[in-house]
Protein backbone atom coordinates (compact mmCIF):
# COMPACT_ATOMS: atom_id res chain seq x y z
CA MET A 1 9.92 8.62 9.49
CA ARG A 2 10.22 4.85 9.61
CA GLN A 3 11.69 3.12 12.53
CA VAL A 4 13.57 0.07 11.77
CA THR A 5 14.22 -2.07 15.16
CA VAL A 6 16.69 -4.51 15.19
CA SER A 7 17.54 -7.05 18.14
CA ALA A 8 20.79 -8.14 18.97
CA PHE A 9 21.79 -11.02 21.57
CA TRP A 10 25.68 -12.30 21.73
CA ASP A 11 25.79 -15.51 20.65
CA ASP A 12 27.86 -17.12 22.97
CA GLU A 13 28.97 -20.54 21.46
CA ALA A 14 29.55 -18.86 18.28
CA ARG A 15 31.04 -16.11 20.18
CA VAL A 16 29.38 -13.07 17.77
CA TRP A 17 26.70 -10.49 18.02
CA VAL A 18 23.23 -12.06 15.59
CA ALA A 19 20.95 -8.97 14.78
CA GLU A 20 17.57 -10.19 13.78
CA ILE A 21 15.09 -7.79 12.06
CA ALA A 22 11.82 -7.34 13.07
CA ASP A 23 10.38 -6.03 10.09
CA VAL A 24 11.66 -8.84 7.94
CA PRO A 25 10.76 -12.45 9.74
CA GLY A 26 13.66 -14.92 9.18
CA LEU A 27 16.58 -12.37 8.55
CA ALA A 28 19.65 -12.29 10.36
CA THR A 29 23.20 -11.12 10.17
CA GLU A 30 26.01 -11.69 12.59
CA ALA A 31 29.39 -9.90 13.25
CA GLU A 32 32.23 -10.44 15.69
CA THR A 33 31.64 -7.08 17.29
CA ILE A 34 28.29 -4.61 18.01
CA GLU A 35 30.27 -1.43 16.36
CA ALA A 36 30.75 -4.29 12.86
CA LEU A 37 27.28 -5.89 13.16
CA THR A 38 26.20 -2.03 13.23
CA GLU A 39 27.84 -0.90 10.47
CA LYS A 40 26.80 -4.02 8.59
CA ILE A 41 23.01 -3.51 9.63
CA GLN A 42 22.91 0.61 8.57
CA ASN A 43 24.09 -1.29 5.34
CA LEU A 44 21.36 -3.85 4.79
CA ILE A 45 18.81 -1.70 5.53
CA PRO A 46 18.41 -0.10 1.91
CA GLY A 47 18.37 -2.91 0.00
CA LEU A 48 15.61 -4.38 2.52
CA MET A 49 13.57 -1.23 2.21
CA SER A 50 13.71 -1.39 -1.74
CA LEU A 51 13.22 -5.33 -1.51
CA ALA A 52 10.22 -4.59 0.48
CA GLY A 53 8.93 -1.69 -2.00
CA ARG A 54 9.28 1.40 0.66
CA GLY A 55 11.20 4.12 -1.44
CA HIS A 56 12.05 5.62 1.87
CA ALA A 57 15.37 7.90 1.51
CA LEU A 58 18.18 6.88 3.92
CA THR A 59 16.69 10.23 5.95
CA ASP A 60 13.84 9.12 6.79
CA VAL A 61 14.71 6.24 7.92
CA HIS A 62 15.31 5.43 12.26
CA LEU A 63 17.29 2.55 12.99
CA ARG A 64 16.42 1.31 17.07
CA MET A 65 19.19 -1.09 17.70
CA GLU A 66 18.43 -3.14 21.00
CA ARG A 67 20.63 -4.77 22.65
CA HIS A 68 20.50 -8.02 24.77
CA LEU A 69 23.57 -10.00 26.89
CA GLU A 70 22.28 -12.67 29.10
CA MET A 71 25.09 -14.14 31.43
CA ALA A 72 25.87 -15.57 34.63
CA VAL A 73 28.02 -14.03 37.87
């Protein structure tokens, strides 16, 4: 099984969640909600695997979503 690690953080200025995929340096995507971001990432993974020449079936991929939120209290 291949694990794909996604780091997601809230961009307070842009008011969106931003995700970076560790396996693909420089690749980032964003969405207004964490749910929308998760769905977007799930749709991106198969294409990324194909482009990287990794013909894994979707059942062979484990998505690890790490969320980071910083705020002043």
